[in-house]
């Protein structure tokens, strides 16, 4: 991810906290302390800018997930939706480059807050990026994905609904020992070719955009 995207995400974090009342901001900092990695000694007198600095320093690309987790605990659901929408818009500007499939993935991840037709015209459920971004992403990050893929159930469900995996293939992955599930899934996607890799990329952008962001900013 380039510096402009990093700066945009930090600005979204700041703007989100700026929309909290003072008492709610203090509650937010207590919840952040409860995550176990930022001590209260650093948070007690931290203003919004310093709080964002600490979140990014400690959690890196995971700061967005922490923000969403805490906002939902505080029942700040409107702010959480706005935050997610704004982050998806930044991702769209960075990653789309005219790719209908990425637009669809970003819109789907936004929980309906982003209309894909408003972003780039009609996008079909089966649309595939035109420029091979998923193929390149898969090639560069296959080893990292073997270790860093998170929950597989939503990924498997999406891949099945998109016609990339059959019901039997999904069950085959789920029935593997936990340490072998990621590798089995990645081998299936690789065996199915470039279109499967493109859809896999869309699905990952939808289900774990923080991981995609972090991998995208790694040197090629």
Protein backbone atom coordinates (compact mmCIF):
# COMPACT_ATOMS: atom_id res chain seq x y z
CA UNK A 1 0.00 0.00 0.00
CA UNK A 2 1.39 3.41 -0.92
CA UNK A 3 1.84 6.28 1.57
CA UNK A 4 -1.23 8.09 0.26
CA UNK A 5 -3.45 5.13 1.20
CA UNK A 6 -1.78 4.84 4.62
CA UNK A 7 -2.45 8.53 5.23
CA UNK A 8 -6.07 8.20 4.07
CA UNK A 9 -6.75 5.29 6.43
CA UNK A 10 -5.25 7.21 9.36
CA UNK A 11 -7.43 10.18 8.52
CA UNK A 12 -10.51 7.94 8.54
CA UNK A 13 -9.47 6.63 11.97
CA UNK A 14 -9.10 10.20 13.25
CA UNK A 15 -12.39 11.38 11.77
CA UNK A 16 -14.22 8.43 13.29
CA UNK A 17 -12.89 9.13 16.78
CA UNK A 18 -13.64 12.83 16.31
CA UNK A 19 -17.32 11.91 16.00
CA UNK A 20 -17.37 10.42 19.50
CA UNK A 21 -18.47 12.53 22.44
CA UNK A 22 -15.78 13.09 25.06
CA UNK A 23 -17.20 10.47 27.41
CA UNK A 24 -17.47 7.96 24.58
CA UNK A 25 -13.90 8.69 23.48
CA UNK A 26 -12.73 7.86 27.00
CA UNK A 27 -14.74 4.64 26.88
CA UNK A 28 -13.13 3.85 23.55
CA UNK A 29 -9.68 4.22 25.10
CA UNK A 30 -10.63 1.88 27.93
CA UNK A 31 -11.82 -0.71 25.42
CA UNK A 32 -8.57 -0.23 23.50
CA UNK A 33 -6.63 -0.86 26.71
CA UNK A 34 -8.70 -4.00 27.26
CA UNK A 35 -7.37 -5.40 23.98
CA UNK A 36 -4.20 -5.97 25.98
CA UNK A 37 -1.51 -4.34 23.87
CA UNK A 38 -1.72 -0.60 24.66
CA UNK A 39 -1.24 0.26 28.35
CA UNK A 40 -3.45 2.81 30.08
CA UNK A 41 -0.36 4.85 30.95
CA UNK A 42 -0.05 5.75 27.26
CA UNK A 43 -3.77 6.16 26.65
CA UNK A 44 -4.95 8.11 29.69
CA UNK A 45 -3.92 11.56 28.39
CA UNK A 46 -3.80 10.68 24.70
CA UNK A 47 -5.82 12.89 22.38
CA UNK A 48 -7.31 11.64 19.12
CA UNK A 49 -4.11 12.05 17.11
CA UNK A 50 -2.02 10.23 19.70
CA UNK A 51 -4.61 7.46 20.05
CA UNK A 52 -4.55 6.82 16.30
CA UNK A 53 -0.75 6.89 16.35
CA UNK A 54 -0.72 4.23 19.08
CA UNK A 55 -3.28 2.06 17.28
CA UNK A 56 -1.34 2.08 14.02
CA UNK A 57 2.00 1.61 15.76
CA UNK A 58 0.79 -1.41 17.73
CA UNK A 59 -1.69 -3.02 15.32
CA UNK A 60 -0.38 -1.85 11.92
CA UNK A 61 -2.93 -2.85 9.24
CA UNK A 62 -5.06 -4.47 11.98
CA UNK A 63 -5.96 -1.04 13.41
CA UNK A 64 -9.11 -0.98 11.28
CA UNK A 65 -10.33 -4.27 12.70
CA UNK A 66 -9.68 -3.01 16.24
CA UNK A 67 -11.64 0.14 15.48
CA UNK A 68 -14.63 -1.85 14.20
CA UNK A 69 -14.52 -4.29 17.11
CA UNK A 70 -14.57 -1.52 19.71
CA UNK A 71 -17.21 0.58 17.96
CA UNK A 72 -19.53 -2.43 17.84
CA UNK A 73 -18.92 -3.18 21.51
CA UNK A 74 -19.93 0.42 22.22
CA UNK A 75 -23.07 0.03 20.06
CA UNK A 76 -21.75 2.78 17.79
CA UNK A 77 -23.07 0.86 14.80
CA UNK A 78 -23.63 3.90 12.61
CA UNK A 79 -20.04 5.03 13.06
CA UNK A 80 -18.84 1.48 12.42
CA UNK A 81 -20.73 1.34 9.11
CA UNK A 82 -19.44 4.74 8.07
CA UNK A 83 -15.88 3.74 8.95
CA UNK A 84 -16.13 0.53 6.94
CA UNK A 85 -17.67 2.38 4.00
CA UNK A 86 -14.92 4.99 3.97
CA UNK A 87 -12.17 2.37 4.16
CA UNK A 88 -13.73 0.39 1.31
CA UNK A 89 -13.86 3.56 -0.78
CA UNK A 90 -10.14 4.10 -0.20
CA UNK A 91 -9.46 0.48 -1.13
CA UNK A 92 -11.56 0.89 -4.23
CA UNK A 93 -9.57 3.89 -5.40
CA UNK A 94 -6.33 2.03 -4.77
CA UNK A 95 -7.22 -1.41 -6.10
CA UNK A 96 -9.95 -1.07 -8.69
CA UNK A 97 -8.17 0.45 -11.71
CA UNK A 98 -11.35 -0.30 -13.66
CA UNK A 99 -11.67 -3.89 -12.39
CA UNK A 100 -15.36 -4.70 -12.09
CA UNK A 101 -14.69 -7.70 -9.88
CA UNK A 102 -12.79 -5.67 -7.32
CA UNK A 103 -15.57 -3.10 -7.32
CA UNK A 104 -18.08 -5.86 -6.61
CA UNK A 105 -15.93 -7.26 -3.78
CA UNK A 106 -15.46 -3.86 -2.18
CA UNK A 107 -19.16 -3.10 -2.44
CA UNK A 108 -20.11 -6.48 -0.98
CA UNK A 109 -17.75 -6.01 1.95
CA UNK A 110 -19.27 -2.62 2.69
CA UNK A 111 -22.47 -4.26 3.93
CA UNK A 112 -24.53 -2.55 1.25
CA UNK A 113 -23.21 0.92 2.06
CA UNK A 114 -21.46 1.13 -1.32
CA UNK A 115 -23.50 0.55 -4.46
CA UNK A 116 -21.32 -1.07 -7.15
CA UNK A 117 -23.34 0.48 -9.99
CA UNK A 118 -22.70 3.90 -8.51
CA UNK A 119 -18.97 3.24 -8.58
CA UNK A 120 -18.39 1.83 -12.03
CA UNK A 121 -21.59 0.80 -13.75
CA UNK A 122 -23.38 -2.57 -13.57
CA UNK A 123 -21.32 -5.38 -12.10
CA UNK A 124 -22.43 -9.00 -12.31
CA UNK A 125 -22.11 -11.51 -9.50
CA UNK A 126 -19.72 -13.60 -11.59
CA UNK A 127 -17.61 -10.70 -12.84
CA UNK A 128 -13.86 -11.25 -12.95
CA UNK A 129 -11.16 -8.56 -12.86
CA UNK A 130 -9.80 -7.81 -16.31
CA UNK A 131 -6.15 -7.17 -15.58
CA UNK A 132 -5.00 -10.34 -13.80
CA UNK A 133 -4.63 -8.74 -10.38
CA UNK A 134 -5.77 -11.89 -8.59
CA UNK A 135 -3.37 -14.09 -10.54
CA UNK A 136 -0.45 -11.84 -9.61
CA UNK A 137 -1.59 -11.53 -5.99
CA UNK A 138 -1.90 -15.30 -5.68
CA UNK A 139 1.55 -15.89 -7.21
CA UNK A 140 3.28 -13.35 -4.98
CA UNK A 141 1.55 -14.30 -1.74
CA UNK A 142 0.79 -18.03 -1.89
CA UNK A 143 3.38 -18.91 0.78
CA UNK A 144 2.21 -16.09 3.06
CA UNK A 145 -1.42 -17.12 2.58
CA UNK A 146 -0.60 -20.67 3.72
CA UNK A 147 0.23 -19.20 7.13
CA UNK A 148 -1.90 -16.08 7.36
CA UNK A 149 -5.37 -16.93 6.06
CA UNK A 150 -7.84 -16.42 8.88
CA UNK A 151 -11.25 -18.04 9.26
CA UNK A 152 -11.82 -20.30 6.28
CA UNK A 153 -15.57 -20.83 6.62
CA UNK A 154 -16.63 -17.48 5.08
CA UNK A 155 -14.02 -17.86 2.33
CA UNK A 156 -15.19 -21.38 1.50
CA UNK A 157 -18.83 -20.30 1.55
CA UNK A 158 -18.16 -17.43 -0.85
CA UNK A 159 -16.08 -19.58 -3.19
CA UNK A 160 -18.84 -22.19 -3.28
CA UNK A 161 -21.52 -19.58 -3.95
CA UNK A 162 -19.40 -18.16 -6.78
CA UNK A 163 -19.08 -21.59 -8.39
CA UNK A 164 -15.34 -21.98 -7.76
CA UNK A 165 -15.72 -24.83 -5.25
CA UNK A 166 -18.25 -27.62 -5.31
CA UNK A 167 -20.00 -28.77 -2.15
CA UNK A 168 -17.75 -31.85 -2.11
CA UNK A 169 -14.59 -29.73 -2.42
CA UNK A 170 -15.68 -27.46 0.40
CA UNK A 171 -16.28 -30.50 2.60
CA UNK A 172 -12.91 -31.94 1.62
CA UNK A 173 -11.18 -28.78 2.90
CA UNK A 174 -13.27 -28.70 6.09
CA UNK A 175 -12.55 -32.37 6.81
CA UNK A 176 -8.78 -31.92 6.65
CA UNK A 177 -6.81 -31.49 9.85
CA UNK A 178 -6.68 -27.84 10.81
CA UNK A 179 -3.03 -27.43 9.84
CA UNK A 180 -3.71 -28.72 6.31
CA UNK A 181 -6.90 -26.83 5.44
CA UNK A 182 -5.25 -23.67 4.08
CA UNK A 183 -2.80 -25.55 1.90
CA UNK A 184 -5.58 -27.81 0.55
CA UNK A 185 -7.70 -24.79 -0.37
CA UNK A 186 -4.83 -22.95 -2.04
CA UNK A 187 -3.90 -26.02 -4.07
CA UNK A 188 -7.51 -26.33 -5.26
CA UNK A 189 -7.58 -22.70 -6.35
CA UNK A 190 -4.24 -23.01 -8.11
CA UNK A 191 -5.32 -26.15 -9.93
CA UNK A 192 -8.48 -24.44 -11.21
CA UNK A 193 -6.52 -21.74 -13.02
CA UNK A 194 -6.46 -17.99 -13.42
CA UNK A 195 -10.20 -17.28 -13.21
CA UNK A 196 -10.35 -19.08 -9.86
CA UNK A 197 -7.44 -16.98 -8.62
CA UNK A 198 -9.24 -13.79 -9.62
CA UNK A 199 -12.40 -14.79 -7.77
CA UNK A 200 -10.35 -15.94 -4.77
CA UNK A 201 -8.82 -12.45 -4.66
CA UNK A 202 -12.26 -10.83 -4.76
CA UNK A 203 -13.47 -13.10 -1.97
CA UNK A 204 -10.43 -12.36 0.18
CA UNK A 205 -10.90 -8.64 -0.34
CA UNK A 206 -14.46 -9.05 0.87
CA UNK A 207 -13.78 -11.32 3.85
CA UNK A 208 -10.36 -10.13 5.08
CA UNK A 209 -9.48 -6.76 3.53
CA UNK A 210 -6.93 -6.01 6.25
CA UNK A 211 -4.88 -9.03 5.19
CA UNK A 212 -5.10 -7.97 1.53
CA UNK A 213 -3.97 -4.45 2.44
CA UNK A 214 -1.01 -5.76 4.40
CA UNK A 215 0.09 -8.18 1.68
CA UNK A 216 -0.36 -5.58 -1.07
CA UNK A 217 2.11 -3.23 0.60
CA UNK A 218 4.84 -5.90 0.78
CA UNK A 219 7.60 -5.49 -1.82
CA UNK A 220 7.15 -7.60 -4.93
